mmCIF file of all heavy atoms, coordinates in Angstrom:
data_MODEL
# 
_entry.id   MODEL 
# 
loop_
_atom_site.group_PDB 
_atom_site.id 
_atom_site.type_symbol 
_atom_site.label_atom_id 
_atom_site.label_alt_id 
_atom_site.label_comp_id 
_atom_site.label_asym_id 
_atom_site.label_entity_id 
_atom_site.label_seq_id 
_atom_site.pdbx_PDB_ins_code 
_atom_site.Cartn_x 
_atom_site.Cartn_y 
_atom_site.Cartn_z 
_atom_site.occupancy 
_atom_site.B_iso_or_equiv 
_atom_site.pdbx_formal_charge 
_atom_site.auth_seq_id 
_atom_site.auth_comp_id 
_atom_site.auth_asym_id 
_atom_site.auth_atom_id 
_atom_site.pdbx_PDB_model_num 
ATOM 1   N N   . LYS A 1 1  ? -12.168 15.541  12.320 1.00 0.00 ? 1  LYS A N   1 
ATOM 2   C CA  . LYS A 1 1  ? -10.749 15.301  12.577 1.00 0.00 ? 1  LYS A CA  1 
ATOM 3   C C   . LYS A 1 1  ? -10.043 15.135  11.243 1.00 0.00 ? 1  LYS A C   1 
ATOM 4   O O   . LYS A 1 1  ? -10.418 14.280  10.432 1.00 0.00 ? 1  LYS A O   1 
ATOM 5   C CB  . LYS A 1 1  ? -10.578 14.044  13.433 1.00 0.00 ? 1  LYS A CB  1 
ATOM 6   C CG  . LYS A 1 1  ? -9.137  13.767  13.848 1.00 0.00 ? 1  LYS A CG  1 
ATOM 7   C CD  . LYS A 1 1  ? -9.090  12.638  14.853 1.00 0.00 ? 1  LYS A CD  1 
ATOM 8   C CE  . LYS A 1 1  ? -7.680  12.426  15.381 1.00 0.00 ? 1  LYS A CE  1 
ATOM 9   N NZ  . LYS A 1 1  ? -7.645  11.403  16.462 1.00 0.00 ? 1  LYS A NZ  1 
ATOM 10  N N   . ASP A 1 2  ? -9.023  15.956  11.021 1.00 0.00 ? 2  ASP A N   1 
ATOM 11  C CA  . ASP A 1 2  ? -8.290  15.949  9.758  1.00 0.00 ? 2  ASP A CA  1 
ATOM 12  C C   . ASP A 1 2  ? -7.185  14.897  9.844  1.00 0.00 ? 2  ASP A C   1 
ATOM 13  O O   . ASP A 1 2  ? -6.171  15.078  10.513 1.00 0.00 ? 2  ASP A O   1 
ATOM 14  C CB  . ASP A 1 2  ? -7.692  17.335  9.509  1.00 0.00 ? 2  ASP A CB  1 
ATOM 15  C CG  . ASP A 1 2  ? -7.025  17.454  8.151  1.00 0.00 ? 2  ASP A CG  1 
ATOM 16  O OD1 . ASP A 1 2  ? -6.847  16.418  7.473  1.00 0.00 ? 2  ASP A OD1 1 
ATOM 17  O OD2 . ASP A 1 2  ? -6.665  18.593  7.769  1.00 0.00 ? 2  ASP A OD2 1 
ATOM 18  N N   . HIS A 1 3  ? -7.386  13.785  9.145  1.00 0.00 ? 3  HIS A N   1 
ATOM 19  C CA  . HIS A 1 3  ? -6.415  12.682  9.193  1.00 0.00 ? 3  HIS A CA  1 
ATOM 20  C C   . HIS A 1 3  ? -5.217  12.896  8.272  1.00 0.00 ? 3  HIS A C   1 
ATOM 21  O O   . HIS A 1 3  ? -4.358  12.022  8.166  1.00 0.00 ? 3  HIS A O   1 
ATOM 22  C CB  . HIS A 1 3  ? -7.116  11.356  8.866  1.00 0.00 ? 3  HIS A CB  1 
ATOM 23  C CG  . HIS A 1 3  ? -8.059  10.910  9.935  1.00 0.00 ? 3  HIS A CG  1 
ATOM 24  N ND1 . HIS A 1 3  ? -7.643  10.437  11.147 1.00 0.00 ? 3  HIS A ND1 1 
ATOM 25  C CD2 . HIS A 1 3  ? -9.408  10.890  9.966  1.00 0.00 ? 3  HIS A CD2 1 
ATOM 26  C CE1 . HIS A 1 3  ? -8.686  10.126  11.890 1.00 0.00 ? 3  HIS A CE1 1 
ATOM 27  N NE2 . HIS A 1 3  ? -9.776  10.394  11.204 1.00 0.00 ? 3  HIS A NE2 1 
ATOM 28  N N   . ARG A 1 4  ? -5.120  14.072  7.647  1.00 0.00 ? 4  ARG A N   1 
ATOM 29  C CA  . ARG A 1 4  ? -3.925  14.415  6.874  1.00 0.00 ? 4  ARG A CA  1 
ATOM 30  C C   . ARG A 1 4  ? -2.832  14.967  7.782  1.00 0.00 ? 4  ARG A C   1 
ATOM 31  O O   . ARG A 1 4  ? -1.670  15.004  7.395  1.00 0.00 ? 4  ARG A O   1 
ATOM 32  C CB  . ARG A 1 4  ? -4.273  15.461  5.819  1.00 0.00 ? 4  ARG A CB  1 
ATOM 33  C CG  . ARG A 1 4  ? -5.296  15.011  4.779  1.00 0.00 ? 4  ARG A CG  1 
ATOM 34  C CD  . ARG A 1 4  ? -5.741  16.167  3.921  1.00 0.00 ? 4  ARG A CD  1 
ATOM 35  N NE  . ARG A 1 4  ? -6.358  17.227  4.725  1.00 0.00 ? 4  ARG A NE  1 
ATOM 36  C CZ  . ARG A 1 4  ? -6.875  18.345  4.212  1.00 0.00 ? 4  ARG A CZ  1 
ATOM 37  N NH1 . ARG A 1 4  ? -6.831  18.555  2.912  1.00 0.00 ? 4  ARG A NH1 1 
ATOM 38  N NH2 . ARG A 1 4  ? -7.419  19.250  4.996  1.00 0.00 ? 4  ARG A NH2 1 
ATOM 39  N N   . ARG A 1 5  ? -3.203  15.386  8.998  1.00 0.00 ? 5  ARG A N   1 
ATOM 40  C CA  . ARG A 1 5  ? -2.259  16.041  9.900  1.00 0.00 ? 5  ARG A CA  1 
ATOM 41  C C   . ARG A 1 5  ? -1.414  15.026  10.668 1.00 0.00 ? 5  ARG A C   1 
ATOM 42  O O   . ARG A 1 5  ? -1.866  13.922  10.991 1.00 0.00 ? 5  ARG A O   1 
ATOM 43  C CB  . ARG A 1 5  ? -3.015  16.930  10.886 1.00 0.00 ? 5  ARG A CB  1 
ATOM 44  C CG  . ARG A 1 5  ? -3.772  18.066  10.228 1.00 0.00 ? 5  ARG A CG  1 
ATOM 45  C CD  . ARG A 1 5  ? -4.483  18.913  11.257 1.00 0.00 ? 5  ARG A CD  1 
ATOM 46  N NE  . ARG A 1 5  ? -3.556  19.495  12.227 1.00 0.00 ? 5  ARG A NE  1 
ATOM 47  C CZ  . ARG A 1 5  ? -3.938  20.239  13.252 1.00 0.00 ? 5  ARG A CZ  1 
ATOM 48  N NH1 . ARG A 1 5  ? -5.219  20.500  13.440 1.00 0.00 ? 5  ARG A NH1 1 
ATOM 49  N NH2 . ARG A 1 5  ? -3.042  20.731  14.086 1.00 0.00 ? 5  ARG A NH2 1 
ATOM 50  N N   . ALA A 1 6  ? -0.191  15.417  10.962 1.00 0.00 ? 6  ALA A N   1 
ATOM 51  C CA  . ALA A 1 6  ? 0.698   14.557  11.750 1.00 0.00 ? 6  ALA A CA  1 
ATOM 52  C C   . ALA A 1 6  ? 0.076   14.271  13.109 1.00 0.00 ? 6  ALA A C   1 
ATOM 53  O O   . ALA A 1 6  ? -0.492  15.147  13.748 1.00 0.00 ? 6  ALA A O   1 
ATOM 54  C CB  . ALA A 1 6  ? 2.045   15.242  11.924 1.00 0.00 ? 6  ALA A CB  1 
ATOM 55  N N   . GLY A 1 7  ? 0.166   13.021  13.525 1.00 0.00 ? 7  GLY A N   1 
ATOM 56  C CA  . GLY A 1 7  ? -0.416  12.607  14.794 1.00 0.00 ? 7  GLY A CA  1 
ATOM 57  C C   . GLY A 1 7  ? -1.841  12.126  14.682 1.00 0.00 ? 7  GLY A C   1 
ATOM 58  O O   . GLY A 1 7  ? -2.389  11.562  15.639 1.00 0.00 ? 7  GLY A O   1 
ATOM 59  N N   . ASN A 1 8  ? -2.475  12.332  13.528 1.00 0.00 ? 8  ASN A N   1 
ATOM 60  C CA  . ASN A 1 8  ? -3.857  11.901  13.319 1.00 0.00 ? 8  ASN A CA  1 
ATOM 61  C C   . ASN A 1 8  ? -3.946  10.718  12.359 1.00 0.00 ? 8  ASN A C   1 
ATOM 62  O O   . ASN A 1 8  ? -4.981  10.482  11.746 1.00 0.00 ? 8  ASN A O   1 
ATOM 63  C CB  . ASN A 1 8  ? -4.703  13.060  12.764 1.00 0.00 ? 8  ASN A CB  1 
ATOM 64  C CG  . ASN A 1 8  ? -4.985  14.117  13.808 1.00 0.00 ? 8  ASN A CG  1 
ATOM 65  O OD1 . ASN A 1 8  ? -4.680  13.934  14.978 1.00 0.00 ? 8  ASN A OD1 1 
ATOM 66  N ND2 . ASN A 1 8  ? -5.574  15.224  13.387 1.00 0.00 ? 8  ASN A ND2 1 
ATOM 67  N N   . GLY A 1 9  ? -2.853  9.984   12.226 1.00 0.00 ? 9  GLY A N   1 
ATOM 68  C CA  . GLY A 1 9  ? -2.868  8.840   11.315 1.00 0.00 ? 9  GLY A CA  1 
ATOM 69  C C   . GLY A 1 9  ? -3.685  7.691   11.860 1.00 0.00 ? 9  GLY A C   1 
ATOM 70  O O   . GLY A 1 9  ? -4.001  7.613   13.050 1.00 0.00 ? 9  GLY A O   1 
ATOM 71  N N   . PHE A 1 10 ? -4.039  6.787   10.982 1.00 0.00 ? 10 PHE A N   1 
ATOM 72  C CA  . PHE A 1 10 ? -4.759  5.572   11.393 1.00 0.00 ? 10 PHE A CA  1 
ATOM 73  C C   . PHE A 1 10 ? -4.542  4.482   10.355 1.00 0.00 ? 10 PHE A C   1 
ATOM 74  O O   . PHE A 1 10 ? -4.075  4.733   9.236  1.00 0.00 ? 10 PHE A O   1 
ATOM 75  C CB  . PHE A 1 10 ? -6.247  5.848   11.590 1.00 0.00 ? 10 PHE A CB  1 
ATOM 76  C CG  . PHE A 1 10 ? -7.024  6.124   10.308 1.00 0.00 ? 10 PHE A CG  1 
ATOM 77  C CD1 . PHE A 1 10 ? -7.820  5.148   9.741  1.00 0.00 ? 10 PHE A CD1 1 
ATOM 78  C CD2 . PHE A 1 10 ? -6.947  7.363   9.691  1.00 0.00 ? 10 PHE A CD2 1 
ATOM 79  C CE1 . PHE A 1 10 ? -8.531  5.392   8.590  1.00 0.00 ? 10 PHE A CE1 1 
ATOM 80  C CE2 . PHE A 1 10 ? -7.654  7.621   8.527  1.00 0.00 ? 10 PHE A CE2 1 
ATOM 81  C CZ  . PHE A 1 10 ? -8.441  6.633   7.965  1.00 0.00 ? 10 PHE A CZ  1 
ATOM 82  N N   . ASP A 1 11 ? -4.868  3.271   10.741 1.00 0.00 ? 11 ASP A N   1 
ATOM 83  C CA  . ASP A 1 11 ? -4.774  2.111   9.848  1.00 0.00 ? 11 ASP A CA  1 
ATOM 84  C C   . ASP A 1 11 ? -6.090  2.029   9.077  1.00 0.00 ? 11 ASP A C   1 
ATOM 85  O O   . ASP A 1 11 ? -7.142  1.761   9.659  1.00 0.00 ? 11 ASP A O   1 
ATOM 86  C CB  . ASP A 1 11 ? -4.539  0.846   10.676 1.00 0.00 ? 11 ASP A CB  1 
ATOM 87  C CG  . ASP A 1 11 ? -4.367  -0.401  9.818  1.00 0.00 ? 11 ASP A CG  1 
ATOM 88  O OD1 . ASP A 1 11 ? -4.528  -0.310  8.592  1.00 0.00 ? 11 ASP A OD1 1 
ATOM 89  O OD2 . ASP A 1 11 ? -4.086  -1.470  10.386 1.00 0.00 ? 11 ASP A OD2 1 
ATOM 90  N N   . ALA A 1 12 ? -6.029  2.263   7.777  1.00 0.00 ? 12 ALA A N   1 
ATOM 91  C CA  . ALA A 1 12 ? -7.250  2.415   6.978  1.00 0.00 ? 12 ALA A CA  1 
ATOM 92  C C   . ALA A 1 12 ? -7.843  1.105   6.473  1.00 0.00 ? 12 ALA A C   1 
ATOM 93  O O   . ALA A 1 12 ? -8.926  1.116   5.892  1.00 0.00 ? 12 ALA A O   1 
ATOM 94  C CB  . ALA A 1 12 ? -6.972  3.329   5.788  1.00 0.00 ? 12 ALA A CB  1 
ATOM 95  N N   . SER A 1 13 ? -7.164  -0.012  6.692  1.00 0.00 ? 13 SER A N   1 
ATOM 96  C CA  . SER A 1 13 ? -7.677  -1.270  6.141  1.00 0.00 ? 13 SER A CA  1 
ATOM 97  C C   . SER A 1 13 ? -7.671  -2.381  7.180  1.00 0.00 ? 13 SER A C   1 
ATOM 98  O O   . SER A 1 13 ? -6.726  -2.516  7.957  1.00 0.00 ? 13 SER A O   1 
ATOM 99  C CB  . SER A 1 13 ? -6.836  -1.707  4.937  1.00 0.00 ? 13 SER A CB  1 
ATOM 100 O OG  . SER A 1 13 ? -7.260  -2.982  4.487  1.00 0.00 ? 13 SER A OG  1 
ATOM 101 N N   . ASP A 1 14 ? -8.726  -3.183  7.176  1.00 0.00 ? 14 ASP A N   1 
ATOM 102 C CA  . ASP A 1 14 ? -8.756  -4.395  7.997  1.00 0.00 ? 14 ASP A CA  1 
ATOM 103 C C   . ASP A 1 14 ? -8.680  -5.635  7.097  1.00 0.00 ? 14 ASP A C   1 
ATOM 104 O O   . ASP A 1 14 ? -9.028  -6.735  7.495  1.00 0.00 ? 14 ASP A O   1 
ATOM 105 C CB  . ASP A 1 14 ? -10.019 -4.437  8.856  1.00 0.00 ? 14 ASP A CB  1 
ATOM 106 C CG  . ASP A 1 14 ? -11.301 -4.480  8.035  1.00 0.00 ? 14 ASP A CG  1 
ATOM 107 O OD1 . ASP A 1 14 ? -11.219 -4.341  6.790  1.00 0.00 ? 14 ASP A OD1 1 
ATOM 108 O OD2 . ASP A 1 14 ? -12.378 -4.659  8.626  1.00 0.00 ? 14 ASP A OD2 1 
ATOM 109 N N   . LYS A 1 15 ? -8.199  -5.433  5.861  1.00 0.00 ? 15 LYS A N   1 
ATOM 110 C CA  . LYS A 1 15 ? -8.167  -6.523  4.880  1.00 0.00 ? 15 LYS A CA  1 
ATOM 111 C C   . LYS A 1 15 ? -6.756  -7.000  4.549  1.00 0.00 ? 15 LYS A C   1 
ATOM 112 O O   . LYS A 1 15 ? -6.581  -8.016  3.877  1.00 0.00 ? 15 LYS A O   1 
ATOM 113 C CB  . LYS A 1 15 ? -8.833  -6.078  3.568  1.00 0.00 ? 15 LYS A CB  1 
ATOM 114 C CG  . LYS A 1 15 ? -10.239 -5.525  3.729  1.00 0.00 ? 15 LYS A CG  1 
ATOM 115 C CD  . LYS A 1 15 ? -11.219 -6.563  4.233  1.00 0.00 ? 15 LYS A CD  1 
ATOM 116 C CE  . LYS A 1 15 ? -12.636 -5.990  4.294  1.00 0.00 ? 15 LYS A CE  1 
ATOM 117 N NZ  . LYS A 1 15 ? -13.589 -6.948  4.869  1.00 0.00 ? 15 LYS A NZ  1 
ATOM 118 N N   . ASP A 1 16 ? -5.713  -6.242  4.977  1.00 0.00 ? 16 ASP A N   1 
ATOM 119 C CA  . ASP A 1 16 ? -4.356  -6.553  4.508  1.00 0.00 ? 16 ASP A CA  1 
ATOM 120 C C   . ASP A 1 16 ? -3.487  -7.254  5.553  1.00 0.00 ? 16 ASP A C   1 
ATOM 121 O O   . ASP A 1 16 ? -2.299  -7.472  5.321  1.00 0.00 ? 16 ASP A O   1 
ATOM 122 C CB  . ASP A 1 16 ? -3.662  -5.272  4.028  1.00 0.00 ? 16 ASP A CB  1 
ATOM 123 C CG  . ASP A 1 16 ? -3.594  -4.214  5.129  1.00 0.00 ? 16 ASP A CG  1 
ATOM 124 O OD1 . ASP A 1 16 ? -4.023  -4.505  6.262  1.00 0.00 ? 16 ASP A OD1 1 
ATOM 125 O OD2 . ASP A 1 16 ? -3.116  -3.102  4.837  1.00 0.00 ? 16 ASP A OD2 1 
ATOM 126 N N   . ASP A 1 17 ? -4.063  -7.599  6.713  1.00 0.00 ? 17 ASP A N   1 
ATOM 127 C CA  . ASP A 1 17 ? -3.302  -8.294  7.763  1.00 0.00 ? 17 ASP A CA  1 
ATOM 128 C C   . ASP A 1 17 ? -2.013  -7.546  8.120  1.00 0.00 ? 17 ASP A C   1 
ATOM 129 O O   . ASP A 1 17 ? -0.984  -8.159  8.410  1.00 0.00 ? 17 ASP A O   1 
ATOM 130 C CB  . ASP A 1 17 ? -2.965  -9.731  7.343  1.00 0.00 ? 17 ASP A CB  1 
ATOM 131 C CG  . ASP A 1 17 ? -4.207  -10.587 7.197  1.00 0.00 ? 17 ASP A CG  1 
ATOM 132 O OD1 . ASP A 1 17 ? -5.133  -10.428 8.016  1.00 0.00 ? 17 ASP A OD1 1 
ATOM 133 O OD2 . ASP A 1 17 ? -4.265  -11.412 6.258  1.00 0.00 ? 17 ASP A OD2 1 
ATOM 134 N N   . ALA A 1 18 ? -2.078  -6.221  8.076  1.00 0.00 ? 18 ALA A N   1 
ATOM 135 C CA  . ALA A 1 18 ? -0.904  -5.412  8.406  1.00 0.00 ? 18 ALA A CA  1 
ATOM 136 C C   . ALA A 1 18 ? -1.350  -4.174  9.167  1.00 0.00 ? 18 ALA A C   1 
ATOM 137 O O   . ALA A 1 18 ? -2.524  -3.791  9.124  1.00 0.00 ? 18 ALA A O   1 
ATOM 138 C CB  . ALA A 1 18 ? -0.164  -5.000  7.133  1.00 0.00 ? 18 ALA A CB  1 
ATOM 139 N N   . CYS A 1 19 ? -0.395  -3.600  9.865  1.00 0.00 ? 19 CYS A N   1 
ATOM 140 C CA  . CYS A 1 19 ? -0.667  -2.351  10.596 1.00 0.00 ? 19 CYS A CA  1 
ATOM 141 C C   . CYS A 1 19 ? 0.064   -1.216  9.881  1.00 0.00 ? 19 CYS A C   1 
ATOM 142 O O   . CYS A 1 19 ? 1.300   -1.153  9.924  1.00 0.00 ? 19 CYS A O   1 
ATOM 143 C CB  . CYS A 1 19 ? -0.208  -2.477  12.048 1.00 0.00 ? 19 CYS A CB  1 
ATOM 144 S SG  . CYS A 1 19 ? -0.500  -0.983  13.012 1.00 0.00 ? 19 CYS A SG  1 
ATOM 145 N N   . GLN A 1 20 ? -0.694  -0.373  9.199  1.00 0.00 ? 20 GLN A N   1 
ATOM 146 C CA  . GLN A 1 20 ? -0.095  0.723   8.455  1.00 0.00 ? 20 GLN A CA  1 
ATOM 147 C C   . GLN A 1 20 ? -0.728  2.044   8.897  1.00 0.00 ? 20 GLN A C   1 
ATOM 148 O O   . GLN A 1 20 ? -1.639  2.560   8.255  1.00 0.00 ? 20 GLN A O   1 
ATOM 149 C CB  . GLN A 1 20 ? -0.291  0.528   6.951  1.00 0.00 ? 20 GLN A CB  1 
ATOM 150 C CG  . GLN A 1 20 ? 0.356   -0.755  6.416  1.00 0.00 ? 20 GLN A CG  1 
ATOM 151 C CD  . GLN A 1 20 ? 0.300   -0.832  4.905  1.00 0.00 ? 20 GLN A CD  1 
ATOM 152 O OE1 . GLN A 1 20 ? 0.647   0.127   4.214  1.00 0.00 ? 20 GLN A OE1 1 
ATOM 153 N NE2 . GLN A 1 20 ? -0.132  -1.959  4.379  1.00 0.00 ? 20 GLN A NE2 1 
ATOM 154 N N   . ILE A 1 21 ? -0.230  2.533   10.019 1.00 0.00 ? 21 ILE A N   1 
ATOM 155 C CA  . ILE A 1 21 ? -0.749  3.792   10.541 1.00 0.00 ? 21 ILE A CA  1 
ATOM 156 C C   . ILE A 1 21 ? -0.057  4.940   9.820  1.00 0.00 ? 21 ILE A C   1 
ATOM 157 O O   . ILE A 1 21 ? 1.164   5.083   9.880  1.00 0.00 ? 21 ILE A O   1 
ATOM 158 C CB  . ILE A 1 21 ? -0.519  3.890   12.055 1.00 0.00 ? 21 ILE A CB  1 
ATOM 159 C CG1 . ILE A 1 21 ? -1.304  2.779   12.763 1.00 0.00 ? 21 ILE A CG1 1 
ATOM 160 C CG2 . ILE A 1 21 ? -0.927  5.270   12.578 1.00 0.00 ? 21 ILE A CG2 1 
ATOM 161 C CD1 . ILE A 1 21 ? -1.085  2.728   14.252 1.00 0.00 ? 21 ILE A CD1 1 
ATOM 162 N N   . GLN A 1 22 ? -0.822  5.741   9.121  1.00 0.00 ? 22 GLN A N   1 
ATOM 163 C CA  . GLN A 1 22 ? -0.277  6.859   8.383  1.00 0.00 ? 22 GLN A CA  1 
ATOM 164 C C   . GLN A 1 22 ? -1.370  7.896   8.137  1.00 0.00 ? 22 GLN A C   1 
ATOM 165 O O   . GLN A 1 22 ? -2.544  7.651   8.441  1.00 0.00 ? 22 GLN A O   1 
ATOM 166 C CB  . GLN A 1 22 ? 0.310   6.402   7.052  1.00 0.00 ? 22 GLN A CB  1 
ATOM 167 C CG  . GLN A 1 22 ? -0.700  5.753   6.106  1.00 0.00 ? 22 GLN A CG  1 
ATOM 168 C CD  . GLN A 1 22 ? -0.012  5.116   4.918  1.00 0.00 ? 22 GLN A CD  1 
ATOM 169 O OE1 . GLN A 1 22 ? 0.676   4.103   5.030  1.00 0.00 ? 22 GLN A OE1 1 
ATOM 170 N NE2 . GLN A 1 22 ? -0.207  5.734   3.749  1.00 0.00 ? 22 GLN A NE2 1 
ATOM 171 N N   . GLN A 1 23 ? -0.969  9.042   7.630  1.00 0.00 ? 23 GLN A N   1 
ATOM 172 C CA  . GLN A 1 23 ? -1.958  10.062  7.316  1.00 0.00 ? 23 GLN A CA  1 
ATOM 173 C C   . GLN A 1 23 ? -2.706  9.663   6.038  1.00 0.00 ? 23 GLN A C   1 
ATOM 174 O O   . GLN A 1 23 ? -2.135  9.085   5.115  1.00 0.00 ? 23 GLN A O   1 
ATOM 175 C CB  . GLN A 1 23 ? -1.280  11.426  7.113  1.00 0.00 ? 23 GLN A CB  1 
ATOM 176 C CG  . GLN A 1 23 ? -0.875  12.121  8.404  1.00 0.00 ? 23 GLN A CG  1 
ATOM 177 C CD  . GLN A 1 23 ? 0.340   11.469  9.054  1.00 0.00 ? 23 GLN A CD  1 
ATOM 178 O OE1 . GLN A 1 23 ? 1.380   11.312  8.441  1.00 0.00 ? 23 GLN A OE1 1 
ATOM 179 N NE2 . GLN A 1 23 ? 0.194   11.087  10.316 1.00 0.00 ? 23 GLN A NE2 1 
ATOM 180 N N   . TRP A 1 24 ? -4.002  10.021  6.020  1.00 0.00 ? 24 TRP A N   1 
ATOM 181 C CA  . TRP A 1 24 ? -4.832  9.748   4.857  1.00 0.00 ? 24 TRP A CA  1 
ATOM 182 C C   . TRP A 1 24 ? -5.656  11.001  4.540  1.00 0.00 ? 24 TRP A C   1 
ATOM 183 O O   . TRP A 1 24 ? -6.005  11.756  5.442  1.00 0.00 ? 24 TRP A O   1 
ATOM 184 C CB  . TRP A 1 24 ? -5.784  8.573   5.121  1.00 0.00 ? 24 TRP A CB  1 
ATOM 185 C CG  . TRP A 1 24 ? -5.080  7.281   5.416  1.00 0.00 ? 24 TRP A CG  1 
ATOM 186 C CD1 . TRP A 1 24 ? -4.741  6.793   6.640  1.00 0.00 ? 24 TRP A CD1 1 
ATOM 187 C CD2 . TRP A 1 24 ? -4.630  6.321   4.470  1.00 0.00 ? 24 TRP A CD2 1 
ATOM 188 N NE1 . TRP A 1 24 ? -4.102  5.589   6.526  1.00 0.00 ? 24 TRP A NE1 1 
ATOM 189 C CE2 . TRP A 1 24 ? -4.019  5.271   5.197  1.00 0.00 ? 24 TRP A CE2 1 
ATOM 190 C CE3 . TRP A 1 24 ? -4.668  6.240   3.073  1.00 0.00 ? 24 TRP A CE3 1 
ATOM 191 C CZ2 . TRP A 1 24 ? -3.465  4.159   4.578  1.00 0.00 ? 24 TRP A CZ2 1 
ATOM 192 C CZ3 . TRP A 1 24 ? -4.121  5.119   2.455  1.00 0.00 ? 24 TRP A CZ3 1 
ATOM 193 C CH2 . TRP A 1 24 ? -3.524  4.097   3.209  1.00 0.00 ? 24 TRP A CH2 1 
ATOM 194 N N   . PRO A 1 25 ? -5.990  11.219  3.288  1.00 0.00 ? 25 PRO A N   1 
ATOM 195 C CA  . PRO A 1 25 ? -6.723  12.440  2.906  1.00 0.00 ? 25 PRO A CA  1 
ATOM 196 C C   . PRO A 1 25 ? -8.223  12.321  3.161  1.00 0.00 ? 25 PRO A C   1 
ATOM 197 O O   . PRO A 1 25 ? -9.043  12.430  2.244  1.00 0.00 ? 25 PRO A O   1 
ATOM 198 C CB  . PRO A 1 25 ? -6.408  12.567  1.408  1.00 0.00 ? 25 PRO A CB  1 
ATOM 199 C CG  . PRO A 1 25 ? -6.252  11.142  0.961  1.00 0.00 ? 25 PRO A CG  1 
ATOM 200 C CD  . PRO A 1 25 ? -5.594  10.430  2.105  1.00 0.00 ? 25 PRO A CD  1 
ATOM 201 N N   . VAL A 1 26 ? -8.570  12.086  4.409  1.00 0.00 ? 26 VAL A N   1 
ATOM 202 C CA  . VAL A 1 26 ? -9.983  11.959  4.779  1.00 0.00 ? 26 VAL A CA  1 
ATOM 203 C C   . VAL A 1 26 ? -10.216 12.695  6.103  1.00 0.00 ? 26 VAL A C   1 
ATOM 204 O O   . VAL A 1 26 ? -9.279  13.000  6.841  1.00 0.00 ? 26 VAL A O   1 
ATOM 205 C CB  . VAL A 1 26 ? -10.412 10.483  4.925  1.00 0.00 ? 26 VAL A CB  1 
ATOM 206 C CG1 . VAL A 1 26 ? -10.297 9.752   3.602  1.00 0.00 ? 26 VAL A CG1 1 
ATOM 207 C CG2 . VAL A 1 26 ? -9.596  9.782   5.998  1.00 0.00 ? 26 VAL A CG2 1 
ATOM 208 N N   . PHE A 1 27 ? -11.477 12.952  6.397  1.00 0.00 ? 27 PHE A N   1 
ATOM 209 C CA  . PHE A 1 27 ? -11.880 13.534  7.662  1.00 0.00 ? 27 PHE A CA  1 
ATOM 210 C C   . PHE A 1 27 ? -12.715 12.521  8.442  1.00 0.00 ? 27 PHE A C   1 
ATOM 211 O O   . PHE A 1 27 ? -13.529 11.795  7.851  1.00 0.00 ? 27 PHE A O   1 
ATOM 212 C CB  . PHE A 1 27 ? -12.708 14.805  7.441  1.00 0.00 ? 27 PHE A CB  1 
ATOM 213 C CG  . PHE A 1 27 ? -11.896 15.962  6.929  1.00 0.00 ? 27 PHE A CG  1 
ATOM 214 C CD1 . PHE A 1 27 ? -11.673 16.119  5.568  1.00 0.00 ? 27 PHE A CD1 1 
ATOM 215 C CD2 . PHE A 1 27 ? -11.353 16.884  7.806  1.00 0.00 ? 27 PHE A CD2 1 
ATOM 216 C CE1 . PHE A 1 27 ? -10.919 17.178  5.089  1.00 0.00 ? 27 PHE A CE1 1 
ATOM 217 C CE2 . PHE A 1 27 ? -10.600 17.950  7.343  1.00 0.00 ? 27 PHE A CE2 1 
ATOM 218 C CZ  . PHE A 1 27 ? -10.381 18.103  5.982  1.00 0.00 ? 27 PHE A CZ  1 
ATOM 219 N N   . GLY A 1 28 ? -12.520 12.472  9.743  1.00 0.00 ? 28 GLY A N   1 
ATOM 220 C CA  . GLY A 1 28 ? -13.298 11.588  10.593 1.00 0.00 ? 28 GLY A CA  1 
ATOM 221 C C   . GLY A 1 28 ? -14.174 12.409  11.533 1.00 0.00 ? 28 GLY A C   1 
ATOM 222 O O   . GLY A 1 28 ? -14.046 13.627  11.635 1.00 0.00 ? 28 GLY A O   1 
ATOM 223 N N   . ILE A 1 29 ? -15.094 11.731  12.219 1.00 0.00 ? 29 ILE A N   1 
ATOM 224 C CA  . ILE A 1 29 ? -15.909 12.396  13.231 1.00 0.00 ? 29 ILE A CA  1 
ATOM 225 C C   . ILE A 1 29 ? -15.634 11.749  14.582 1.00 0.00 ? 29 ILE A C   1 
ATOM 226 O O   . ILE A 1 29 ? -15.264 10.584  14.662 1.00 0.00 ? 29 ILE A O   1 
ATOM 227 C CB  . ILE A 1 29 ? -17.407 12.371  12.880 1.00 0.00 ? 29 ILE A CB  1 
ATOM 228 C CG1 . ILE A 1 29 ? -17.887 10.950  12.544 1.00 0.00 ? 29 ILE A CG1 1 
ATOM 229 C CG2 . ILE A 1 29 ? -17.719 13.315  11.744 1.00 0.00 ? 29 ILE A CG2 1 
ATOM 230 C CD1 . ILE A 1 29 ? -19.370 10.875  12.208 1.00 0.00 ? 29 ILE A CD1 1 
# 
């Protein structure tokens, strides 16, 4: 899954006490 594409964003951190859903230059399975 290409997380750079619109609609494939996610919150990449569980350390910042915030919800930041956005695109990231990574691939998921």
